[in-house]
Amino acid sequence: MGRANPLSRLRPRHAVTRIAWAVTALLAMMAGARAEEPGPPKQVTWTRYDAAPYMITDGPEADTGIFDRVRHILMDHLADYTHQTLVVPFPRVVSAMKQGMEWCFVGGVQTPERDAYAYFSRPTGLFYPLRIVVRETQRARFEALGPLSLRSLLTDHPNLRTSVLRQRAIAPSVDALLQASTSAQRHSEFSEAFRMLKNDRLDYLVEFANIAAYYAKALGEPEPWIGLPMAESPEPIFSRVMCPRTPWGRAVIDRIDAFLPAERASARYRGIVEAWSAPEDLPKLRAVYDSSFLSSE
C-alpha cells in the first residue's frame, strides 16, 4: 500500500470552511440589499375645512388662509413625505385621530381631553380677539345688556339664540360655559353659523373678530358685523399642529418642532400670523408674539 497523503485529510475541512465563508458573504450581501430597499412611502394627509381667514377652501383666495400658508411651510420642510389635503368637517378630523389615522391638522387648540388622542406641536399661530358678534341692527339691544358676559347671556337670556361649532375648543372658561349651555345650538361648519346669523336665525355668535369680519364680507353684508367685548374674553390663544397619538404622529410632530423656532422668528412667518387682523388688534398680537409666542413650547 502506498503512503497516504497527509493533506488529503484536510481538504474536506477546507472545503467546508470555504462554503461557510461563501454562505456568510451571500447572506451579508442579501442583508445589505434589503437594507437599501426603500420602505413604504411616508405620507401626511393634511385636513382642512372652511374657516376663513385661517383656512380658505373655495373661491379666488382658496388655500391662502393663515393656516394654509403655515401648512405650505411645513410641507416644504417635510420634503421626504408625500402630502395630500382633505377637506372634511372638524368632527371627522377628531374621529379619525382617535382611530389613529395618519392625518394632521394645522390650527388645533391643545386641551387635556385632546391630549388623550393627539400629539401637539409648538404653537404655530394665534387667535385674537374673541368677541360677541352681532348684526349692526342688534347692536343697541346687546349694548343695553352691558357690560357683556357670556355667562349672563347663556343663563339670564336663553331666548337670545346662539350656536357652537361641534368639537371646537376656544379657551377653557369659554368652552365650559358653551358646553354646559342647554340653549345653544350646534353646527358643523363655520359658514353654516354665519348664514344663520345673517338670516336672523341666530342673535349672536361667540367668535374671533377676523373670522366674523371675513364672513360678513363674503356673505355680502351691507355693514360689518359688530364684535362686542365680553367679560370672559381670553388673552391670545395659541394654535398648534395636531397629529394622532401614535408613533407615526410623534415622529411628524418632532420633525415640525425641530424647525419651528427658526421659522417663527422670521419676518415672513410673523406676516402670516398677523394677516387679516384689524389694525387695532395688532399691538396686542405683536406684544404676545414677542413676549411668549417665540419662546413657547
C-alpha atoms as a PDB file:
ATOM      1  CA  MET A   1       0.000   0.000   0.000  1.00  0.00           C
ATOM      2  CA  GLY A   2       1.136   3.493  -0.787  1.00  0.00           C
ATOM      3  CA  ARG A   3       1.598   6.140   1.842  1.00  0.00           C
ATOM      4  CA  ALA A   4      -1.434   8.299   2.389  1.00  0.00           C
ATOM      5  CA  ASN A   5      -1.066  11.974   1.571  1.00  0.00           C
ATOM      6  CA  PRO A   6      -1.291  13.810   4.942  1.00  0.00           C
ATOM      7  CA  LEU A   7      -3.019  16.776   3.254  1.00  0.00           C
ATOM      8  CA  SER A   8      -5.867  14.627   1.983  1.00  0.00           C
ATOM      9  CA  ARG A   9      -7.491  14.610   5.416  1.00  0.00           C
ATOM     10  CA  LEU A  10      -7.541  18.436   5.466  1.00  0.00           C
ATOM     11  CA  ARG A  11      -9.243  19.015   2.121  1.00  0.00           C
ATOM     12  CA  PRO A  12     -12.823  18.284   3.241  1.00  0.00           C
ATOM     13  CA  ARG A  13     -12.428  20.610   6.222  1.00  0.00           C
ATOM     14  CA  HIS A  14     -11.067  23.374   3.977  1.00  0.00           C
ATOM     15  CA  ALA A  15     -13.911  22.835   1.554  1.00  0.00           C
ATOM     16  CA  VAL A  16     -16.480  23.215   4.336  1.00  0.00           C
ATOM     17  CA  THR A  17     -14.767  26.378   5.512  1.00  0.00           C
ATOM     18  CA  ARG A  18     -14.833  27.848   2.014  1.00  0.00           C
ATOM     19  CA  ILE A  19     -18.531  27.037   1.661  1.00  0.00           C
ATOM     20  CA  ALA A  20     -19.281  28.578   5.055  1.00  0.00           C
ATOM     21  CA  TRP A  21     -17.483  31.773   4.078  1.00  0.00           C
ATOM     22  CA  ALA A  22     -19.359  31.892   0.786  1.00  0.00           C
ATOM     23  CA  VAL A  23     -22.722  31.441   2.511  1.00  0.00           C
ATOM     24  CA  THR A  24     -21.837  34.128   5.047  1.00  0.00           C
ATOM     25  CA  ALA A  25     -20.847  36.555   2.285  1.00  0.00           C
ATOM     26  CA  LEU A  26     -24.038  35.813   0.372  1.00  0.00           C
ATOM     27  CA  LEU A  27     -26.191  36.414   3.443  1.00  0.00           C
ATOM     28  CA  ALA A  28     -24.372  39.676   4.107  1.00  0.00           C
ATOM     29  CA  MET A  29     -24.977  40.813   0.534  1.00  0.00           C
ATOM     30  CA  MET A  30     -28.653  39.910   0.786  1.00  0.00           C
ATOM     31  CA  ALA A  31     -28.977  41.780   4.086  1.00  0.00           C
ATOM     32  CA  GLY A  32     -27.306  44.816   2.563  1.00  0.00           C
ATOM     33  CA  ALA A  33     -29.616  44.685  -0.433  1.00  0.00           C
ATOM     34  CA  ARG A  34     -32.632  44.529   1.857  1.00  0.00           C
ATOM     35  CA  ALA A  35     -31.342  47.488   3.864  1.00  0.00           C
ATOM     36  CA  GLU A  36     -31.037  49.539   0.685  1.00  0.00           C
ATOM     37  CA  GLU A  37     -34.553  48.713  -0.462  1.00  0.00           C
ATOM     38  CA  PRO A  38     -36.844  51.707   0.094  1.00  0.00           C
ATOM     39  CA  GLY A  39     -39.502  51.241   2.755  1.00  0.00           C
ATOM     40  CA  PRO A  40     -43.126  52.136   2.290  1.00  0.00           C
ATOM     41  CA  PRO A  41     -43.583  55.790   1.239  1.00  0.00           C
ATOM     42  CA  LYS A  42     -44.143  58.288   4.070  1.00  0.00           C
ATOM     43  CA  GLN A  43     -47.282  60.363   3.661  1.00  0.00           C
ATOM     44  CA  VAL A  44     -49.176  63.024   5.597  1.00  0.00           C
ATOM     45  CA  THR A  45     -52.832  63.767   4.966  1.00  0.00           C
ATOM     46  CA  TRP A  46     -53.479  67.383   5.938  1.00  0.00           C
ATOM     47  CA  THR A  47     -57.086  68.012   6.899  1.00  0.00           C
ATOM     48  CA  ARG A  48     -58.847  71.314   6.306  1.00  0.00           C
ATOM     49  CA  TYR A  49     -62.297  72.802   6.482  1.00  0.00           C
ATOM     50  CA  ASP A  50     -63.770  76.176   5.655  1.00  0.00           C
ATOM     51  CA  ALA A  51     -62.776  78.534   8.482  1.00  0.00           C
ATOM     52  CA  ALA A  52     -61.648  81.683   6.708  1.00  0.00           C
ATOM     53  CA  PRO A  53     -59.390  83.551   7.012  1.00  0.00           C
ATOM     54  CA  TYR A  54     -57.473  80.689   8.670  1.00  0.00           C
ATOM     55  CA  MET A  55     -58.451  78.015   6.160  1.00  0.00           C
ATOM     56  CA  ILE A  56     -59.985  79.040   2.843  1.00  0.00           C
ATOM     57  CA  THR A  57     -61.260  76.152   0.743  1.00  0.00           C
ATOM     58  CA  ASP A  58     -63.089  77.906  -2.115  1.00  0.00           C
ATOM     59  CA  GLY A  59     -63.011  80.973  -4.331  1.00  0.00           C
ATOM     60  CA  PRO A  60     -60.177  83.163  -5.610  1.00  0.00           C
ATOM     61  CA  GLU A  61     -58.462  83.177  -2.189  1.00  0.00           C
ATOM     62  CA  ALA A  62     -58.543  79.395  -1.794  1.00  0.00           C
ATOM     63  CA  ASP A  63     -55.524  77.935   0.009  1.00  0.00           C
ATOM     64  CA  THR A  64     -54.216  81.368   1.054  1.00  0.00           C
ATOM     65  CA  GLY A  65     -55.531  81.415   4.621  1.00  0.00           C
ATOM     66  CA  ILE A  66     -53.256  81.793   7.636  1.00  0.00           C
ATOM     67  CA  PHE A  67     -53.151  78.075   8.421  1.00  0.00           C
ATOM     68  CA  ASP A  68     -52.980  77.221   4.713  1.00  0.00           C
ATOM     69  CA  ARG A  69     -49.777  79.235   4.390  1.00  0.00           C
ATOM     70  CA  VAL A  70     -48.320  77.692   7.536  1.00  0.00           C
ATOM     71  CA  ARG A  71     -49.149  74.254   6.135  1.00  0.00           C
ATOM     72  CA  HIS A  72     -47.185  75.011   2.972  1.00  0.00           C
ATOM     73  CA  ILE A  73     -44.147  75.892   5.087  1.00  0.00           C
ATOM     74  CA  LEU A  74     -44.458  72.603   6.954  1.00  0.00           C
ATOM     75  CA  MET A  75     -44.767  70.674   3.713  1.00  0.00           C
ATOM     76  CA  ASP A  76     -41.624  72.303   2.329  1.00  0.00           C
ATOM     77  CA  HIS A  77     -39.662  71.196   5.383  1.00  0.00           C
ATOM     78  CA  LEU A  78     -41.122  67.666   5.284  1.00  0.00           C
ATOM     79  CA  ALA A  79     -39.904  67.069   1.750  1.00  0.00           C
ATOM     80  CA  ASP A  80     -39.284  63.378   2.370  1.00  0.00           C
ATOM     81  CA  TYR A  81     -43.018  62.881   2.899  1.00  0.00           C
ATOM     82  CA  THR A  82     -45.682  62.923   0.225  1.00  0.00           C
ATOM     83  CA  HIS A  83     -48.569  65.226   1.045  1.00  0.00           C
ATOM     84  CA  GLN A  84     -52.254  65.334   0.290  1.00  0.00           C
ATOM     85  CA  THR A  85     -55.015  67.578   1.602  1.00  0.00           C
ATOM     86  CA  LEU A  86     -58.530  66.562   2.519  1.00  0.00           C
ATOM     87  CA  VAL A  87     -61.478  68.887   3.190  1.00  0.00           C
ATOM     88  CA  VAL A  88     -63.609  67.422   5.987  1.00  0.00           C
ATOM     89  CA  PRO A  89     -65.608  68.818   8.937  1.00  0.00           C
ATOM     90  CA  PHE A  90     -63.628  69.096  12.144  1.00  0.00           C
ATOM     91  CA  PRO A  91     -65.673  66.440  13.998  1.00  0.00           C
ATOM     92  CA  ARG A  92     -64.483  63.986  11.330  1.00  0.00           C
ATOM     93  CA  VAL A  93     -60.871  65.061  11.977  1.00  0.00           C
ATOM     94  CA  VAL A  94     -61.280  64.285  15.675  1.00  0.00           C
ATOM     95  CA  SER A  95     -62.867  60.914  14.949  1.00  0.00           C
ATOM     96  CA  ALA A  96     -60.047  59.959  12.560  1.00  0.00           C
ATOM     97  CA  MET A  97     -57.312  60.890  15.025  1.00  0.00           C
ATOM     98  CA  LYS A  98     -58.965  58.844  17.740  1.00  0.00           C
ATOM     99  CA  GLN A  99     -58.745  55.893  15.317  1.00  0.00           C
ATOM    100  CA  GLY A 100     -55.027  56.564  14.741  1.00  0.00           C
ATOM    101  CA  MET A 101     -55.377  57.546  11.088  1.00  0.00           C
ATOM    102  CA  GLU A 102     -52.317  59.290   9.626  1.00  0.00           C
ATOM    103  CA  TRP A 103     -53.967  62.698   9.445  1.00  0.00           C
ATOM    104  CA  CYS A 104     -52.684  66.014  10.786  1.00  0.00           C
ATOM    105  CA  PHE A 105     -54.382  69.355  11.283  1.00  0.00           C
ATOM    106  CA  VAL A 106     -52.902  72.854  11.425  1.00  0.00           C
ATOM    107  CA  GLY A 107     -54.708  75.056  13.938  1.00  0.00           C
ATOM    108  CA  GLY A 108     -55.707  72.822  16.835  1.00  0.00           C
ATOM    109  CA  VAL A 109     -56.029  74.209  20.354  1.00  0.00           C
ATOM    110  CA  GLN A 110     -54.440  71.898  22.919  1.00  0.00           C
ATOM    111  CA  THR A 111     -56.678  70.668  25.738  1.00  0.00           C
ATOM    112  CA  PRO A 112     -56.366  67.847  28.299  1.00  0.00           C
ATOM    113  CA  GLU A 113     -59.136  65.962  26.504  1.00  0.00           C
ATOM    114  CA  ARG A 114     -57.358  66.176  23.156  1.00  0.00           C
ATOM    115  CA  ASP A 115     -54.050  65.118  24.698  1.00  0.00           C
ATOM    116  CA  ALA A 116     -55.603  61.677  25.112  1.00  0.00           C
ATOM    117  CA  TYR A 117     -55.682  61.065  21.347  1.00  0.00           C
ATOM    118  CA  ALA A 118     -53.340  63.629  19.738  1.00  0.00           C
ATOM    119  CA  TYR A 119     -49.815  64.995  19.910  1.00  0.00           C
ATOM    120  CA  PHE A 120     -49.363  68.761  19.585  1.00  0.00           C
ATOM    121  CA  SER A 121     -46.519  70.798  18.146  1.00  0.00           C
ATOM    122  CA  ARG A 122     -45.076  74.020  19.449  1.00  0.00           C
ATOM    123  CA  PRO A 123     -47.532  76.890  18.774  1.00  0.00           C
ATOM    124  CA  THR A 124     -47.953  77.817  15.119  1.00  0.00           C
ATOM    125  CA  GLY A 125     -50.478  80.664  15.322  1.00  0.00           C
ATOM    126  CA  LEU A 126     -52.585  83.000  17.448  1.00  0.00           C
ATOM    127  CA  PHE A 127     -56.335  83.521  17.832  1.00  0.00           C
ATOM    128  CA  TYR A 128     -57.396  87.000  18.991  1.00  0.00           C
ATOM    129  CA  PRO A 129     -59.682  88.750  19.922  1.00  0.00           C
ATOM    130  CA  LEU A 130     -62.757  86.725  20.937  1.00  0.00           C
ATOM    131  CA  ARG A 131     -65.978  88.714  20.736  1.00  0.00           C
ATOM    132  CA  ILE A 132     -69.751  88.574  20.963  1.00  0.00           C
ATOM    133  CA  VAL A 133     -70.606  89.023  17.273  1.00  0.00           C
ATOM    134  CA  VAL A 134     -73.949  90.597  16.340  1.00  0.00           C
ATOM    135  CA  ARG A 135     -75.522  92.260  13.328  1.00  0.00           C
ATOM    136  CA  GLU A 136     -75.417  96.048  13.257  1.00  0.00           C
ATOM    137  CA  THR A 137     -79.198  96.158  13.698  1.00  0.00           C
ATOM    138  CA  GLN A 138     -78.841  94.311  17.024  1.00  0.00           C
ATOM    139  CA  ARG A 139     -76.027  96.406  18.426  1.00  0.00           C
ATOM    140  CA  ALA A 140     -78.135  98.632  20.676  1.00  0.00           C
ATOM    141  CA  ARG A 141     -80.015  95.630  22.056  1.00  0.00           C
ATOM    142  CA  PHE A 142     -76.802  93.959  23.203  1.00  0.00           C
ATOM    143  CA  GLU A 143     -75.062  97.112  24.380  1.00  0.00           C
ATOM    144  CA  ALA A 144     -78.046  97.695  26.666  1.00  0.00           C
ATOM    145  CA  LEU A 145     -77.105  94.440  28.425  1.00  0.00           C
ATOM    146  CA  GLY A 146     -73.549  95.627  29.021  1.00  0.00           C
ATOM    147  CA  PRO A 147     -71.034  95.096  30.319  1.00  0.00           C
ATOM    148  CA  LEU A 148     -71.496  91.854  28.425  1.00  0.00           C
ATOM    149  CA  SER A 149     -70.834  88.488  29.990  1.00  0.00           C
ATOM    150  CA  LEU A 150     -71.186  85.187  28.140  1.00  0.00           C
ATOM    151  CA  ARG A 151     -72.320  83.530  31.353  1.00  0.00           C
ATOM    152  CA  SER A 152     -75.102  86.083  31.714  1.00  0.00           C
ATOM    153  CA  LEU A 153     -76.175  85.772  28.083  1.00  0.00           C
ATOM    154  CA  LEU A 154     -76.449  81.987  28.344  1.00  0.00           C
ATOM    155  CA  THR A 155     -78.134  81.801  31.751  1.00  0.00           C
ATOM    156  CA  ASP A 156     -80.121  85.031  32.074  1.00  0.00           C
ATOM    157  CA  HIS A 157     -81.067  85.474  28.410  1.00  0.00           C
ATOM    158  CA  PRO A 158     -81.578  81.973  26.982  1.00  0.00           C
ATOM    159  CA  ASN A 159     -84.051  83.448  24.494  1.00  0.00           C
ATOM    160  CA  LEU A 160     -81.071  85.004  22.657  1.00  0.00           C
ATOM    161  CA  ARG A 161     -80.110  82.392  20.102  1.00  0.00           C
ATOM    162  CA  THR A 162     -76.541  81.260  19.532  1.00  0.00           C
ATOM    163  CA  SER A 163     -74.742  78.208  18.182  1.00  0.00           C
ATOM    164  CA  VAL A 164     -71.466  76.361  18.855  1.00  0.00           C
ATOM    165  CA  LEU A 165     -69.194  74.510  16.440  1.00  0.00           C
ATOM    166  CA  ARG A 166     -69.115  70.820  17.316  1.00  0.00           C
ATOM    167  CA  GLN A 167     -65.829  69.600  18.875  1.00  0.00           C
ATOM    168  CA  ARG A 168     -64.400  73.120  18.982  1.00  0.00           C
ATOM    169  CA  ALA A 169     -62.022  74.301  21.699  1.00  0.00           C
ATOM    170  CA  ILE A 170     -61.564  78.046  22.268  1.00  0.00           C
ATOM    171  CA  ALA A 171     -60.468  78.642  25.853  1.00  0.00           C
ATOM    172  CA  PRO A 172     -61.244  76.607  28.996  1.00  0.00           C
ATOM    173  CA  SER A 173     -63.516  79.168  30.677  1.00  0.00           C
ATOM    174  CA  VAL A 174     -65.438  79.834  27.461  1.00  0.00           C
ATOM    175  CA  ASP A 175     -65.668  76.162  26.472  1.00  0.00           C
ATOM    176  CA  ALA A 176     -67.094  75.215  29.867  1.00  0.00           C
ATOM    177  CA  LEU A 177     -69.888  77.774  29.549  1.00  0.00           C
ATOM    178  CA  LEU A 178     -70.794  76.829  25.995  1.00  0.00           C
ATOM    179  CA  GLN A 179     -70.722  73.089  26.653  1.00  0.00           C
ATOM    180  CA  ALA A 180     -72.916  73.439  29.719  1.00  0.00           C
ATOM    181  CA  SER A 181     -75.495  75.518  27.876  1.00  0.00           C
ATOM    182  CA  THR A 182     -78.754  73.800  27.006  1.00  0.00           C
ATOM    183  CA  SER A 183     -79.955  76.689  24.848  1.00  0.00           C
ATOM    184  CA  ALA A 184     -77.014  76.919  22.446  1.00  0.00           C
ATOM    185  CA  GLN A 185     -77.474  75.144  19.127  1.00  0.00           C
ATOM    186  CA  ARG A 186     -74.738  73.088  17.440  1.00  0.00           C
ATOM    187  CA  HIS A 187     -73.291  73.409  13.931  1.00  0.00           C
ATOM    188  CA  SER A 188     -70.563  71.611  11.926  1.00  0.00           C
ATOM    189  CA  GLU A 189     -69.372  74.355   9.534  1.00  0.00           C
ATOM    190  CA  PHE A 190     -68.420  77.974  10.131  1.00  0.00           C
ATOM    191  CA  SER A 191     -70.353  79.143   7.070  1.00  0.00           C
ATOM    192  CA  GLU A 192     -73.494  77.446   8.382  1.00  0.00           C
ATOM    193  CA  ALA A 193     -73.485  79.530  11.559  1.00  0.00           C
ATOM    194  CA  PHE A 194     -72.782  82.813   9.793  1.00  0.00           C
ATOM    195  CA  ARG A 195     -75.592  82.234   7.312  1.00  0.00           C
ATOM    196  CA  MET A 196     -77.907  81.645  10.253  1.00  0.00           C
ATOM    197  CA  LEU A 197     -76.736  84.925  11.802  1.00  0.00           C
ATOM    198  CA  LYS A 198     -77.218  86.770   8.523  1.00  0.00           C
ATOM    199  CA  ASN A 199     -80.733  85.348   8.052  1.00  0.00           C
ATOM    200  CA  ASP A 200     -81.840  86.230  11.600  1.00  0.00           C
ATOM    201  CA  ARG A 201     -81.917  82.625  12.748  1.00  0.00           C
ATOM    202  CA  LEU A 202     -79.276  83.419  15.372  1.00  0.00           C
ATOM    203  CA  ASP A 203     -78.909  86.535  17.504  1.00  0.00           C
ATOM    204  CA  TYR A 204     -75.191  86.294  18.233  1.00  0.00           C
ATOM    205  CA  LEU A 205     -72.080  84.154  17.914  1.00  0.00           C
ATOM    206  CA  VAL A 206     -69.013  83.821  20.133  1.00  0.00           C
ATOM    207  CA  GLU A 207     -66.287  84.257  17.540  1.00  0.00           C
ATOM    208  CA  PHE A 208     -62.900  85.732  16.745  1.00  0.00           C
ATOM    209  CA  ALA A 209     -63.090  89.160  15.156  1.00  0.00           C
ATOM    210  CA  ASN A 210     -61.169  88.366  11.957  1.00  0.00           C
ATOM    211  CA  ILE A 211     -63.314  85.289  11.228  1.00  0.00           C
ATOM    212  CA  ALA A 212     -66.519  87.290  11.669  1.00  0.00           C
ATOM    213  CA  ALA A 213     -65.222  90.148   9.502  1.00  0.00           C
ATOM    214  CA  TYR A 214     -64.290  87.754   6.706  1.00  0.00           C
ATOM    215  CA  TYR A 215     -67.670  86.016   6.595  1.00  0.00           C
ATOM    216  CA  ALA A 216     -69.645  89.251   6.785  1.00  0.00           C
ATOM    217  CA  LYS A 217     -67.862  90.426   3.650  1.00  0.00           C
ATOM    218  CA  ALA A 218     -68.076  87.041   1.934  1.00  0.00           C
ATOM    219  CA  LEU A 219     -71.824  86.802   2.551  1.00  0.00           C
ATOM    220  CA  GLY A 220     -72.433  90.308   1.213  1.00  0.00           C
ATOM    221  CA  GLU A 221     -73.480  92.025   4.418  1.00  0.00           C
ATOM    222  CA  PRO A 222     -74.014  95.729   3.703  1.00  0.00           C
ATOM    223  CA  GLU A 223     -72.387  96.637   7.040  1.00  0.00           C
ATOM    224  CA  PRO A 224     -69.714  94.734   9.003  1.00  0.00           C
ATOM    225  CA  TRP A 225     -70.887  92.687  11.928  1.00  0.00           C
ATOM    226  CA  ILE A 226     -70.115  94.160  15.310  1.00  0.00           C
ATOM    227  CA  GLY A 227     -67.715  92.487  17.741  1.00  0.00           C
ATOM    228  CA  LEU A 228     -68.547  93.399  21.332  1.00  0.00           C
ATOM    229  CA  PRO A 229     -66.122  92.635  24.181  1.00  0.00           C
ATOM    230  CA  MET A 230     -67.218  90.259  26.913  1.00  0.00           C
ATOM    231  CA  ALA A 231     -66.009  89.600  30.426  1.00  0.00           C
ATOM    232  CA  GLU A 232     -64.658  86.161  29.540  1.00  0.00           C
ATOM    233  CA  SER A 233     -62.565  87.269  26.550  1.00  0.00           C
ATOM    234  CA  PRO A 234     -59.241  85.394  26.885  1.00  0.00           C
ATOM    235  CA  GLU A 235     -55.737  86.505  26.100  1.00  0.00           C
ATOM    236  CA  PRO A 236     -54.460  85.474  22.620  1.00  0.00           C
ATOM    237  CA  ILE A 237     -54.826  81.713  22.221  1.00  0.00           C
ATOM    238  CA  PHE A 238     -52.074  79.584  20.710  1.00  0.00           C
ATOM    239  CA  SER A 239     -52.912  77.179  17.899  1.00  0.00           C
ATOM    240  CA  ARG A 240     -50.774  74.155  17.053  1.00  0.00           C
ATOM    241  CA  VAL A 241     -50.370  71.265  14.640  1.00  0.00           C
ATOM    242  CA  MET A 242     -52.125  68.177  15.941  1.00  0.00           C
ATOM    243  CA  CYS A 243     -51.438  64.611  14.765  1.00  0.00           C
ATOM    244  CA  PRO A 244     -52.681  61.268  16.121  1.00  0.00           C
ATOM    245  CA  ARG A 245     -51.169  59.984  19.348  1.00  0.00           C
ATOM    246  CA  THR A 246     -49.223  57.200  17.630  1.00  0.00           C
ATOM    247  CA  PRO A 247     -45.516  56.624  16.903  1.00  0.00           C
ATOM    248  CA  TRP A 248     -46.155  57.997  13.408  1.00  0.00           C
ATOM    249  CA  GLY A 249     -47.777  61.134  14.834  1.00  0.00           C
ATOM    250  CA  ARG A 250     -44.960  61.602  17.359  1.00  0.00           C
ATOM    251  CA  ALA A 251     -42.366  61.414  14.567  1.00  0.00           C
ATOM    252  CA  VAL A 252     -44.154  64.068  12.479  1.00  0.00           C
ATOM    253  CA  ILE A 253     -44.562  66.419  15.444  1.00  0.00           C
ATOM    254  CA  ASP A 254     -40.890  66.005  16.431  1.00  0.00           C
ATOM    255  CA  ARG A 255     -39.829  66.946  12.908  1.00  0.00           C
ATOM    256  CA  ILE A 256     -42.058  70.031  12.964  1.00  0.00           C
ATOM    257  CA  ASP A 257     -40.862  71.123  16.406  1.00  0.00           C
ATOM    258  CA  ALA A 258     -37.255  70.966  15.216  1.00  0.00           C
ATOM    259  CA  PHE A 259     -37.625  73.686  12.574  1.00  0.00           C
ATOM    260  CA  LEU A 260     -40.454  75.814  14.008  1.00  0.00           C
ATOM    261  CA  PRO A 261     -38.312  78.077  16.235  1.00  0.00           C
ATOM    262  CA  ALA A 262     -36.299  79.378  13.277  1.00  0.00           C
ATOM    263  CA  GLU A 263     -39.397  79.787  11.112  1.00  0.00           C
ATOM    264  CA  ARG A 264     -41.377  81.648  13.782  1.00  0.00           C
ATOM    265  CA  ALA A 265     -38.523  84.134  14.179  1.00  0.00           C
ATOM    266  CA  SER A 266     -38.694  85.133  10.503  1.00  0.00           C
ATOM    267  CA  ALA A 267     -40.438  88.219   9.151  1.00  0.00           C
ATOM    268  CA  ARG A 268     -42.296  86.011   6.685  1.00  0.00           C
ATOM    269  CA  TYR A 269     -43.874  83.924   9.435  1.00  0.00           C
ATOM    270  CA  ARG A 270     -44.806  86.952  11.529  1.00  0.00           C
ATOM    271  CA  GLY A 271     -46.547  88.425   8.488  1.00  0.00           C
ATOM    272  CA  ILE A 272     -48.587  85.246   8.053  1.00  0.00           C
ATOM    273  CA  VAL A 273     -49.758  85.276  11.681  1.00  0.00           C
ATOM    274  CA  GLU A 274     -50.722  88.974  11.521  1.00  0.00           C
ATOM    275  CA  ALA A 275     -52.574  88.694   8.209  1.00  0.00           C
ATOM    276  CA  TRP A 276     -56.297  89.517   8.334  1.00  0.00           C
ATOM    277  CA  SER A 277     -56.076  91.117  11.786  1.00  0.00           C
ATOM    278  CA  ALA A 278     -57.657  94.521  12.322  1.00  0.00           C
ATOM    279  CA  PRO A 279     -55.183  97.384  12.889  1.00  0.00           C
ATOM    280  CA  GLU A 280     -56.463  97.932  16.420  1.00  0.00           C
ATOM    281  CA  ASP A 281     -55.665  94.303  17.328  1.00  0.00           C
ATOM    282  CA  LEU A 282     -52.070  94.282  16.046  1.00  0.00           C
ATOM    283  CA  PRO A 283     -50.351  95.927  19.060  1.00  0.00           C
ATOM    284  CA  LYS A 284     -51.625  93.168  21.379  1.00  0.00           C
ATOM    285  CA  LEU A 285     -50.776  90.411  18.900  1.00  0.00           C
ATOM    286  CA  ARG A 286     -47.259  91.743  18.401  1.00  0.00           C
ATOM    287  CA  ALA A 287     -46.649  92.091  22.123  1.00  0.00           C
ATOM    288  CA  VAL A 288     -47.679  88.480  22.763  1.00  0.00           C
ATOM    289  CA  TYR A 289     -45.719  87.278  19.722  1.00  0.00           C
ATOM    290  CA  ASP A 290     -42.518  88.776  21.109  1.00  0.00           C
ATOM    291  CA  SER A 291     -43.077  88.089  24.805  1.00  0.00           C
ATOM    292  CA  SER A 292     -44.278  84.478  24.766  1.00  0.00           C
ATOM    293  CA  PHE A 293     -45.089  83.057  21.334  1.00  0.00           C
ATOM    294  CA  LEU A 294     -41.487  82.929  20.081  1.00  0.00           C
ATOM    295  CA  SER A 295     -40.275  81.136  23.219  1.00  0.00           C
ATOM    296  CA  SER A 296     -43.279  78.874  23.709  1.00  0.00           C
ATOM    297  CA  GLU A 297     -43.051  75.099  23.674  1.00  0.00           C
END
